[in-house]
PDB file of all heavy atoms in Angstrom:
ATOM      1  N   ASN A   1      48.043  85.982 -30.249  1.00  0.00           N
ATOM      2  CA  ASN A   1      47.003  86.154 -29.238  1.00  0.00           C
ATOM      3  C   ASN A   1      45.723  86.800 -29.783  1.00  0.00           C
ATOM      4  O   ASN A   1      44.820  87.114 -28.996  1.00  0.00           O
ATOM      5  CB  ASN A   1      47.558  87.006 -28.090  1.00  0.00           C
ATOM      6  CG  ASN A   1      48.541  86.252 -27.224  1.00  0.00           C
ATOM      7  OD1 ASN A   1      48.152  85.567 -26.273  1.00  0.00           O
ATOM      8  ND2 ASN A   1      49.815  86.342 -27.540  1.00  0.00           N
ATOM      9  N   GLY A   2      45.630  87.003 -31.085  1.00  0.00           N
ATOM     10  CA  GLY A   2      44.454  87.600 -31.676  1.00  0.00           C
ATOM     11  C   GLY A   2      44.212  89.031 -31.242  1.00  0.00           C
ATOM     12  O   GLY A   2      43.056  89.478 -31.169  1.00  0.00           O
ATOM     13  N   LEU A   3      45.288  89.778 -30.976  1.00  0.00           N
ATOM     14  CA  LEU A   3      45.155  91.139 -30.469  1.00  0.00           C
ATOM     15  C   LEU A   3      45.700  92.187 -31.465  1.00  0.00           C
ATOM     16  O   LEU A   3      45.996  93.322 -31.066  1.00  0.00           O
ATOM     17  CB  LEU A   3      45.870  91.275 -29.138  1.00  0.00           C
ATOM     18  CG  LEU A   3      45.246  90.506 -27.953  1.00  0.00           C
ATOM     19  CD1 LEU A   3      46.147  90.580 -26.735  1.00  0.00           C
ATOM     20  CD2 LEU A   3      43.861  91.074 -27.645  1.00  0.00           C
ATOM     21  N   GLY A   4      45.804  91.787 -32.714  1.00  0.00           N
ATOM     22  CA  GLY A   4      46.361  92.707 -33.693  1.00  0.00           C
ATOM     23  C   GLY A   4      45.567  93.996 -33.848  1.00  0.00           C
ATOM     24  O   GLY A   4      46.116  95.056 -34.156  1.00  0.00           O
ATOM     25  N   SER A   5      44.252  93.932 -33.616  1.00  0.00           N
ATOM     26  CA  SER A   5      43.406  95.100 -33.809  1.00  0.00           C
ATOM     27  C   SER A   5      43.161  95.877 -32.510  1.00  0.00           C
ATOM     28  O   SER A   5      42.382  96.834 -32.507  1.00  0.00           O
ATOM     29  CB  SER A   5      42.042  94.682 -34.400  1.00  0.00           C
ATOM     30  OG  SER A   5      41.361  93.807 -33.501  1.00  0.00           O
ATOM     31  N   ALA A   6      43.831  95.488 -31.437  1.00  0.00           N
ATOM     32  CA  ALA A   6      43.568  96.114 -30.140  1.00  0.00           C
ATOM     33  C   ALA A   6      44.330  97.428 -29.960  1.00  0.00           C
ATOM     34  O   ALA A   6      44.084  98.142 -28.980  1.00  0.00           O
ATOM     35  CB  ALA A   6      43.937  95.154 -29.014  1.00  0.00           C
ATOM     36  N   PHE A   7      45.228  97.743 -30.889  1.00  0.00           N
ATOM     37  CA  PHE A   7      46.107  98.900 -30.705  1.00  0.00           C
ATOM     38  C   PHE A   7      46.003  99.868 -31.875  1.00  0.00           C
ATOM     39  O   PHE A   7      45.722  99.487 -33.009  1.00  0.00           O
ATOM     40  CB  PHE A   7      47.560  98.447 -30.546  1.00  0.00           C
ATOM     41  CG  PHE A   7      47.787  97.543 -29.370  1.00  0.00           C
ATOM     42  CD1 PHE A   7      47.783  96.149 -29.536  1.00  0.00           C
ATOM     43  CD2 PHE A   7      47.975  98.059 -28.117  1.00  0.00           C
ATOM     44  CE1 PHE A   7      47.976  95.325 -28.453  1.00  0.00           C
ATOM     45  CE2 PHE A   7      48.153  97.232 -27.026  1.00  0.00           C
ATOM     46  CZ  PHE A   7      48.168  95.868 -27.194  1.00  0.00           C
ATOM     47  N   ASP A   8      46.249 101.130 -31.563  1.00  0.00           N
ATOM     48  CA  ASP A   8      46.277 102.166 -32.591  1.00  0.00           C
ATOM     49  C   ASP A   8      47.613 102.191 -33.311  1.00  0.00           C
ATOM     50  O   ASP A   8      47.698 102.690 -34.450  1.00  0.00           O
ATOM     51  CB  ASP A   8      46.013 103.538 -31.941  1.00  0.00           C
ATOM     52  CG  ASP A   8      44.643 103.596 -31.287  1.00  0.00           C
ATOM     53  OD1 ASP A   8      43.660 103.868 -32.003  1.00  0.00           O
ATOM     54  OD2 ASP A   8      44.570 103.376 -30.064  1.00  0.00           O
ATOM     55  N   ALA A   9      48.671 101.687 -32.675  1.00  0.00           N
ATOM     56  CA  ALA A   9      49.998 101.669 -33.278  1.00  0.00           C
ATOM     57  C   ALA A   9      50.815 100.592 -32.582  1.00  0.00           C
ATOM     58  O   ALA A   9      50.428 100.063 -31.525  1.00  0.00           O
ATOM     59  CB  ALA A   9      50.669 103.021 -33.130  1.00  0.00           C
ATOM     60  N   ARG A  10      51.953 100.276 -33.176  1.00  0.00           N
ATOM     61  CA  ARG A  10      52.892  99.315 -32.602  1.00  0.00           C
ATOM     62  C   ARG A  10      54.250  99.990 -32.622  1.00  0.00           C
ATOM     63  O   ARG A  10      54.742 100.366 -33.695  1.00  0.00           O
ATOM     64  CB  ARG A  10      52.904  98.014 -33.384  1.00  0.00           C
ATOM     65  CG  ARG A  10      51.530  97.395 -33.502  1.00  0.00           C
ATOM     66  CD  ARG A  10      51.496  96.218 -34.438  1.00  0.00           C
ATOM     67  NE  ARG A  10      50.122  95.779 -34.645  1.00  0.00           N
ATOM     68  CZ  ARG A  10      49.762  94.710 -35.338  1.00  0.00           C
ATOM     69  NH1 ARG A  10      50.695  93.948 -35.891  1.00  0.00           N
ATOM     70  NH2 ARG A  10      48.483  94.371 -35.484  1.00  0.00           N
ATOM     71  N   ILE A  11      54.864 100.150 -31.451  1.00  0.00           N
ATOM     72  CA  ILE A  11      56.105 100.909 -31.351  1.00  0.00           C
ATOM     73  C   ILE A  11      57.241  99.988 -30.939  1.00  0.00           C
ATOM     74  O   ILE A  11      57.225  99.414 -29.842  1.00  0.00           O
ATOM     75  CB  ILE A  11      55.975 102.056 -30.333  1.00  0.00           C
ATOM     76  CG1 ILE A  11      54.727 102.897 -30.623  1.00  0.00           C
ATOM     77  CG2 ILE A  11      57.225 102.930 -30.351  1.00  0.00           C
ATOM     78  CD1 ILE A  11      54.424 103.915 -29.532  1.00  0.00           C
ATOM     79  N   SER A  12      58.222  99.852 -31.807  1.00  0.00           N
ATOM     80  CA  SER A  12      59.415  99.081 -31.523  1.00  0.00           C
ATOM     81  C   SER A  12      60.592 100.022 -31.368  1.00  0.00           C
ATOM     82  O   SER A  12      60.776 100.958 -32.179  1.00  0.00           O
ATOM     83  CB  SER A  12      59.698  98.086 -32.645  1.00  0.00           C
ATOM     84  OG  SER A  12      61.015  97.542 -32.528  1.00  0.00           O
ATOM     85  N   THR A  13      61.420  99.796 -30.355  1.00  0.00           N
ATOM     86  CA  THR A  13      62.596 100.639 -30.171  1.00  0.00           C
ATOM     87  C   THR A  13      63.600 100.458 -31.316  1.00  0.00           C
ATOM     88  O   THR A  13      64.551 101.224 -31.427  1.00  0.00           O
ATOM     89  CB  THR A  13      63.299 100.346 -28.842  1.00  0.00           C
ATOM     90  OG1 THR A  13      63.769  98.988 -28.832  1.00  0.00           O
ATOM     91  CG2 THR A  13      62.328 100.553 -27.678  1.00  0.00           C
ATOM     92  N   HIS A  14      63.358  99.471 -32.166  1.00  0.00           N
ATOM     93  CA  HIS A  14      64.153  99.297 -33.375  1.00  0.00           C
ATOM     94  C   HIS A  14      64.200 100.575 -34.189  1.00  0.00           C
ATOM     95  O   HIS A  14      65.224 100.882 -34.825  1.00  0.00           O
ATOM     96  CB  HIS A  14      63.568  98.138 -34.201  1.00  0.00           C
ATOM     97  CG  HIS A  14      64.304  97.859 -35.470  1.00  0.00           C
ATOM     98  ND1 HIS A  14      65.417  97.064 -35.523  1.00  0.00           N
ATOM     99  CD2 HIS A  14      64.047  98.247 -36.748  1.00  0.00           C
ATOM    100  CE1 HIS A  14      65.851  96.968 -36.773  1.00  0.00           C
ATOM    101  NE2 HIS A  14      65.036  97.686 -37.540  1.00  0.00           N
ATOM    102  N   SER A  15      63.094 101.325 -34.169  1.00  0.00           N
ATOM    103  CA  SER A  15      63.021 102.568 -34.945  1.00  0.00           C
ATOM    104  C   SER A  15      64.049 103.610 -34.501  1.00  0.00           C
ATOM    105  O   SER A  15      64.475 104.447 -35.290  1.00  0.00           O
ATOM    106  CB  SER A  15      61.623 103.178 -34.850  1.00  0.00           C
ATOM    107  OG  SER A  15      60.652 102.293 -35.377  1.00  0.00           O
ATOM    108  N   ALA A  16      64.436 103.538 -33.231  1.00  0.00           N
ATOM    109  CA  ALA A  16      65.421 104.460 -32.701  1.00  0.00           C
ATOM    110  C   ALA A  16      66.835 103.850 -32.653  1.00  0.00           C
ATOM    111  O   ALA A  16      67.786 104.534 -32.290  1.00  0.00           O
ATOM    112  CB  ALA A  16      65.036 104.902 -31.282  1.00  0.00           C
ATOM    113  N   GLY A  17      66.942 102.587 -33.012  1.00  0.00           N
ATOM    114  CA  GLY A  17      68.234 101.918 -32.992  1.00  0.00           C
ATOM    115  C   GLY A  17      68.840 101.823 -31.604  1.00  0.00           C
ATOM    116  O   GLY A  17      70.041 101.926 -31.407  1.00  0.00           O
ATOM    117  N   THR A  18      67.962 101.566 -30.603  1.00  0.00           N
ATOM    118  CA  THR A  18      68.415 101.454 -29.224  1.00  0.00           C
ATOM    119  C   THR A  18      67.393 100.678 -28.429  1.00  0.00           C
ATOM    120  O   THR A  18      66.448 100.118 -28.994  1.00  0.00           O
ATOM    121  CB  THR A  18      68.651 102.846 -28.609  1.00  0.00           C
ATOM    122  OG1 THR A  18      69.294 102.712 -27.343  1.00  0.00           O
ATOM    123  CG2 THR A  18      67.361 103.606 -28.447  1.00  0.00           C
ATOM    124  N   TYR A  19      67.579 100.630 -27.109  1.00  0.00           N
ATOM    125  CA  TYR A  19      66.669  99.899 -26.241  1.00  0.00           C
ATOM    126  C   TYR A  19      66.323 100.754 -25.033  1.00  0.00           C
ATOM    127  O   TYR A  19      67.073 101.654 -24.636  1.00  0.00           O
ATOM    128  CB  TYR A  19      67.302  98.583 -25.766  1.00  0.00           C
ATOM    129  CG  TYR A  19      67.516  97.599 -26.880  1.00  0.00           C
ATOM    130  CD1 TYR A  19      68.798  97.293 -27.342  1.00  0.00           C
ATOM    131  CD2 TYR A  19      66.443  96.943 -27.469  1.00  0.00           C
ATOM    132  CE1 TYR A  19      68.986  96.376 -28.376  1.00  0.00           C
ATOM    133  CE2 TYR A  19      66.611  96.042 -28.504  1.00  0.00           C
ATOM    134  CZ  TYR A  19      67.888  95.754 -28.949  1.00  0.00           C
ATOM    135  OH  TYR A  19      68.058  94.866 -29.968  1.00  0.00           O
ATOM    136  N   LYS A  20      65.159 100.499 -24.442  1.00  0.00           N
ATOM    137  CA  LYS A  20      64.872 101.090 -23.148  1.00  0.00           C
ATOM    138  C   LYS A  20      65.933 100.617 -22.142  1.00  0.00           C
ATOM    139  O   LYS A  20      66.376  99.490 -22.241  1.00  0.00           O
ATOM    140  CB  LYS A  20      63.477 100.655 -22.666  1.00  0.00           C
ATOM    141  CG  LYS A  20      62.343 101.125 -23.551  1.00  0.00           C
ATOM    142  CD  LYS A  20      60.996 100.656 -23.039  1.00  0.00           C
ATOM    143  CE  LYS A  20      60.824  99.149 -23.115  1.00  0.00           C
ATOM    144  NZ  LYS A  20      59.514  98.686 -22.597  1.00  0.00           N
ATOM    145  N   PRO A  21      66.385 101.485 -21.225  1.00  0.00           N
ATOM    146  CA  PRO A  21      65.836 102.784 -20.846  1.00  0.00           C
ATOM    147  C   PRO A  21      66.461 103.982 -21.530  1.00  0.00           C
ATOM    148  O   PRO A  21      66.414 105.099 -20.968  1.00  0.00           O
ATOM    149  CB  PRO A  21      66.104 102.823 -19.336  1.00  0.00           C
ATOM    150  CG  PRO A  21      67.427 102.113 -19.200  1.00  0.00           C
ATOM    151  CD  PRO A  21      67.374 101.010 -20.229  1.00  0.00           C
ATOM    152  N   ASP A  22      67.038 103.846 -22.702  1.00  0.00           N
ATOM    153  CA  ASP A  22      67.533 104.998 -23.446  1.00  0.00           C
ATOM    154  C   ASP A  22      66.367 105.962 -23.692  1.00  0.00           C
ATOM    155  O   ASP A  22      65.309 105.555 -24.173  1.00  0.00           O
ATOM    156  CB  ASP A  22      68.104 104.514 -24.786  1.00  0.00           C
ATOM    157  CG  ASP A  22      68.818 105.601 -25.557  1.00  0.00           C
ATOM    158  OD1 ASP A  22      68.376 106.774 -25.512  1.00  0.00           O
ATOM    159  OD2 ASP A  22      69.801 105.273 -26.238  1.00  0.00           O
ATOM    160  N   PRO A  23      66.510 107.250 -23.371  1.00  0.00           N
ATOM    161  CA  PRO A  23      65.410 108.189 -23.609  1.00  0.00           C
ATOM    162  C   PRO A  23      64.911 108.230 -25.044  1.00  0.00           C
ATOM    163  O   PRO A  23      63.730 108.498 -25.287  1.00  0.00           O
ATOM    164  CB  PRO A  23      66.027 109.552 -23.207  1.00  0.00           C
ATOM    165  CG  PRO A  23      67.095 109.199 -22.222  1.00  0.00           C
ATOM    166  CD  PRO A  23      67.656 107.882 -22.702  1.00  0.00           C
ATOM    167  N   ARG A  24      65.786 107.933 -26.001  1.00  0.00           N
ATOM    168  CA  ARG A  24      65.343 107.904 -27.404  1.00  0.00           C
ATOM    169  C   ARG A  24      64.298 106.830 -27.653  1.00  0.00           C
ATOM    170  O   ARG A  24      63.459 106.976 -28.548  1.00  0.00           O
ATOM    171  CB  ARG A  24      66.542 107.711 -28.320  1.00  0.00           C
ATOM    172  CG  ARG A  24      67.528 108.869 -28.326  1.00  0.00           C
ATOM    173  CD  ARG A  24      68.756 108.499 -29.134  1.00  0.00           C
ATOM    174  NE  ARG A  24      69.458 107.374 -28.553  1.00  0.00           N
ATOM    175  CZ  ARG A  24      70.426 106.677 -29.178  1.00  0.00           C
ATOM    176  NH1 ARG A  24      70.772 106.990 -30.419  1.00  0.00           N
ATOM    177  NH2 ARG A  24      71.028 105.678 -28.560  1.00  0.00           N
ATOM    178  N   ALA A  25      64.357 105.762 -26.852  1.00  0.00           N
ATOM    179  CA  ALA A  25      63.363 104.698 -27.006  1.00  0.00           C
ATOM    180  C   ALA A  25      62.002 105.185 -26.504  1.00  0.00           C
ATOM    181  O   ALA A  25      60.987 105.012 -27.195  1.00  0.00           O
ATOM    182  CB  ALA A  25      63.812 103.463 -26.225  1.00  0.00           C
ATOM    183  N   TYR A  26      61.970 105.803 -25.329  1.00  0.00           N
ATOM    184  CA  TYR A  26      60.711 106.301 -24.800  1.00  0.00           C
ATOM    185  C   TYR A  26      60.126 107.409 -25.661  1.00  0.00           C
ATOM    186  O   TYR A  26      58.908 107.540 -25.803  1.00  0.00           O
ATOM    187  CB  TYR A  26      60.895 106.797 -23.368  1.00  0.00           C
ATOM    188  CG  TYR A  26      61.275 105.720 -22.402  1.00  0.00           C
ATOM    189  CD1 TYR A  26      62.536 105.679 -21.810  1.00  0.00           C
ATOM    190  CD2 TYR A  26      60.370 104.726 -22.045  1.00  0.00           C
ATOM    191  CE1 TYR A  26      62.900 104.693 -20.916  1.00  0.00           C
ATOM    192  CE2 TYR A  26      60.728 103.725 -21.168  1.00  0.00           C
ATOM    193  CZ  TYR A  26      61.997 103.709 -20.587  1.00  0.00           C
ATOM    194  OH  TYR A  26      62.328 102.720 -19.714  1.00  0.00           O
ATOM    195  N   ALA A  27      60.978 108.199 -26.309  1.00  0.00           N
ATOM    196  CA  ALA A  27      60.518 109.340 -27.106  1.00  0.00           C
ATOM    197  C   ALA A  27      59.673 108.891 -28.307  1.00  0.00           C
ATOM    198  O   ALA A  27      58.913 109.700 -28.859  1.00  0.00           O
ATOM    199  CB  ALA A  27      61.716 110.175 -27.587  1.00  0.00           C
ATOM    200  N   LEU A  28      59.809 107.648 -28.704  1.00  0.00           N
ATOM    201  CA  LEU A  28      59.050 107.159 -29.863  1.00  0.00           C
ATOM    202  C   LEU A  28      57.546 107.272 -29.655  1.00  0.00           C
ATOM    203  O   LEU A  28      56.795 107.454 -30.621  1.00  0.00           O
ATOM    204  CB  LEU A  28      59.431 105.701 -30.171  1.00  0.00           C
ATOM    205  CG  LEU A  28      60.862 105.481 -30.670  1.00  0.00           C
ATOM    206  CD1 LEU A  28      61.175 103.981 -30.702  1.00  0.00           C
ATOM    207  CD2 LEU A  28      61.060 106.073 -32.054  1.00  0.00           C
ATOM    208  N   ALA A  29      57.073 107.141 -28.413  1.00  0.00           N
ATOM    209  CA  ALA A  29      55.642 107.254 -28.166  1.00  0.00           C
ATOM    210  C   ALA A  29      55.147 108.670 -28.426  1.00  0.00           C
ATOM    211  O   ALA A  29      54.026 108.866 -28.929  1.00  0.00           O
ATOM    212  CB  ALA A  29      55.324 106.833 -26.734  1.00  0.00           C
ATOM    213  N   GLU A  30      55.946 109.665 -28.082  1.00  0.00           N
ATOM    214  CA  GLU A  30      55.551 111.045 -28.369  1.00  0.00           C
ATOM    215  C   GLU A  30      55.350 111.246 -29.857  1.00  0.00           C
ATOM    216  O   GLU A  30      54.360 111.851 -30.304  1.00  0.00           O
ATOM    217  CB  GLU A  30      56.642 112.012 -27.877  1.00  0.00           C
ATOM    218  CG  GLU A  30      56.702 112.231 -26.392  1.00  0.00           C
ATOM    219  CD  GLU A  30      57.719 113.300 -26.043  1.00  0.00           C
ATOM    220  OE1 GLU A  30      58.922 113.083 -26.337  1.00  0.00           O
ATOM    221  OE2 GLU A  30      57.312 114.343 -25.515  1.00  0.00           O
ATOM    222  N   THR A  31      56.292 110.747 -30.639  1.00  0.00           N
ATOM    223  CA  THR A  31      56.208 110.910 -32.079  1.00  0.00           C
ATOM    224  C   THR A  31      55.029 110.135 -32.646  1.00  0.00           C
ATOM    225  O   THR A  31      54.295 110.637 -33.509  1.00  0.00           O
ATOM    226  CB  THR A  31      57.523 110.427 -32.734  1.00  0.00           C
ATOM    227  OG1 THR A  31      58.615 111.147 -32.182  1.00  0.00           O
ATOM    228  CG2 THR A  31      57.488 110.623 -34.237  1.00  0.00           C
ATOM    229  N   THR A  32      54.866 108.907 -32.191  1.00  0.00           N
ATOM    230  CA  THR A  32      53.810 108.045 -32.741  1.00  0.00           C
ATOM    231  C   THR A  32      52.423 108.582 -32.417  1.00  0.00           C
ATOM    232  O   THR A  32      51.552 108.637 -33.298  1.00  0.00           O
ATOM    233  CB  THR A  32      53.954 106.627 -32.174  1.00  0.00           C
ATOM    234  OG1 THR A  32      55.240 106.092 -32.526  1.00  0.00           O
ATOM    235  CG2 THR A  32      52.863 105.709 -32.707  1.00  0.00           C
ATOM    236  N   PHE A  33      52.194 108.981 -31.189  1.00  0.00           N
ATOM    237  CA  PHE A  33      50.895 109.476 -30.772  1.00  0.00           C
ATOM    238  C   PHE A  33      50.661 110.943 -31.135  1.00  0.00           C
ATOM    239  O   PHE A  33      49.546 111.436 -31.075  1.00  0.00           O
ATOM    240  CB  PHE A  33      50.702 109.316 -29.268  1.00  0.00           C
ATOM    241  CG  PHE A  33      50.505 107.903 -28.792  1.00  0.00           C
ATOM    242  CD1 PHE A  33      51.302 107.371 -27.801  1.00  0.00           C
ATOM    243  CD2 PHE A  33      49.510 107.101 -29.350  1.00  0.00           C
ATOM    244  CE1 PHE A  33      51.112 106.078 -27.338  1.00  0.00           C
ATOM    245  CE2 PHE A  33      49.299 105.797 -28.897  1.00  0.00           C
ATOM    246  CZ  PHE A  33      50.112 105.281 -27.889  1.00  0.00           C
ATOM    247  N   ALA A  34      51.762 111.640 -31.485  1.00  0.00           N
ATOM    248  CA  ALA A  34      51.689 113.088 -31.742  1.00  0.00           C
ATOM    249  C   ALA A  34      51.092 113.818 -30.549  1.00  0.00           C
ATOM    250  O   ALA A  34      50.217 114.678 -30.677  1.00  0.00           O
ATOM    251  CB  ALA A  34      50.886 113.392 -33.011  1.00  0.00           C
ATOM    252  N   LEU A  35      51.600 113.439 -29.380  1.00  0.00           N
ATOM    253  CA  LEU A  35      51.142 114.022 -28.110  1.00  0.00           C
ATOM    254  C   LEU A  35      52.344 114.372 -27.256  1.00  0.00           C
ATOM    255  O   LEU A  35      53.404 113.744 -27.376  1.00  0.00           O
ATOM    256  CB  LEU A  35      50.283 113.026 -27.336  1.00  0.00           C
ATOM    257  CG  LEU A  35      48.896 112.686 -27.893  1.00  0.00           C
ATOM    258  CD1 LEU A  35      48.320 111.474 -27.161  1.00  0.00           C
ATOM    259  CD2 LEU A  35      47.958 113.881 -27.777  1.00  0.00           C
ATOM    260  N   PRO A  36      52.211 115.357 -26.363  1.00  0.00           N
ATOM    261  CA  PRO A  36      53.298 115.624 -25.416  1.00  0.00           C
ATOM    262  C   PRO A  36      53.405 114.489 -24.407  1.00  0.00           C
ATOM    263  O   PRO A  36      52.437 113.777 -24.134  1.00  0.00           O
ATOM    264  CB  PRO A  36      52.869 116.920 -24.733  1.00  0.00           C
ATOM    265  CG  PRO A  36      51.384 116.921 -24.843  1.00  0.00           C
ATOM    266  CD  PRO A  36      51.079 116.275 -26.161  1.00  0.00           C
ATOM    267  N   ARG A  37      54.587 114.301 -23.868  1.00  0.00           N
ATOM    268  CA  ARG A  37      54.802 113.157 -22.964  1.00  0.00           C
ATOM    269  C   ARG A  37      53.891 113.198 -21.743  1.00  0.00           C
ATOM    270  O   ARG A  37      53.519 112.158 -21.212  1.00  0.00           O
ATOM    271  CB  ARG A  37      56.270 113.097 -22.542  1.00  0.00           C
ATOM    272  CG  ARG A  37      56.768 114.253 -21.706  1.00  0.00           C
ATOM    273  CD  ARG A  37      58.285 114.243 -21.564  1.00  0.00           C
ATOM    274  NE  ARG A  37      58.915 114.506 -22.848  1.00  0.00           N
ATOM    275  CZ  ARG A  37      60.264 114.560 -23.010  1.00  0.00           C
ATOM    276  NH1 ARG A  37      61.061 114.366 -21.978  1.00  0.00           N
ATOM    277  NH2 ARG A  37      60.778 114.816 -24.183  1.00  0.00           N
ATOM    278  N   GLN A  38      53.491 114.407 -21.309  1.00  0.00           N
ATOM    279  CA  GLN A  38      52.635 114.509 -20.139  1.00  0.00           C
ATOM    280  C   GLN A  38      51.245 113.919 -20.402  1.00  0.00           C
ATOM    281  O   GLN A  38      50.496 113.637 -19.455  1.00  0.00           O
ATOM    282  CB  GLN A  38      52.480 115.972 -19.719  1.00  0.00           C
ATOM    283  CG  GLN A  38      53.771 116.613 -19.256  1.00  0.00           C
ATOM    284  CD  GLN A  38      54.572 117.221 -20.389  1.00  0.00           C
ATOM    285  OE1 GLN A  38      54.279 117.001 -21.557  1.00  0.00           O
ATOM    286  NE2 GLN A  38      55.581 117.998 -20.030  1.00  0.00           N
ATOM    287  N   ALA A  39      50.878 113.718 -21.669  1.00  0.00           N
ATOM    288  CA  ALA A  39      49.575 113.187 -22.027  1.00  0.00           C
ATOM    289  C   ALA A  39      49.610 111.691 -22.344  1.00  0.00           C
ATOM    290  O   ALA A  39      48.602 111.107 -22.730  1.00  0.00           O
ATOM    291  CB  ALA A  39      48.995 113.953 -23.218  1.00  0.00           C
ATOM    292  N   ILE A  40      50.774 111.070 -22.155  1.00  0.00           N
ATOM    293  CA  ILE A  40      50.955 109.657 -22.480  1.00  0.00           C
ATOM    294  C   ILE A  40      51.324 108.894 -21.210  1.00  0.00           C
ATOM    295  O   ILE A  40      52.373 109.149 -20.602  1.00  0.00           O
ATOM    296  CB  ILE A  40      52.058 109.452 -23.522  1.00  0.00           C
ATOM    297  CG1 ILE A  40      51.749 110.240 -24.795  1.00  0.00           C
ATOM    298  CG2 ILE A  40      52.240 107.964 -23.826  1.00  0.00           C
ATOM    299  CD1 ILE A  40      52.909 110.300 -25.771  1.00  0.00           C
ATOM    300  N   ALA A  41      50.479 107.984 -20.790  1.00  0.00           N
ATOM    301  CA  ALA A  41      50.793 107.128 -19.632  1.00  0.00           C
ATOM    302  C   ALA A  41      51.646 105.956 -20.117  1.00  0.00           C
ATOM    303  O   ALA A  41      51.436 105.424 -21.201  1.00  0.00           O
ATOM    304  CB  ALA A  41      49.531 106.624 -18.973  1.00  0.00           C
TER     305      ALA A  41
END
């Protein structure tokens, strides 16, 4: 779709070895963005 440059990062739940809705999957955004969950929509 020509959108490779539209994002600051790409997060796959593969990194946690699980799938949503496992909390470990959602936690990857905190680590990637280096932000608390309250600051991530």
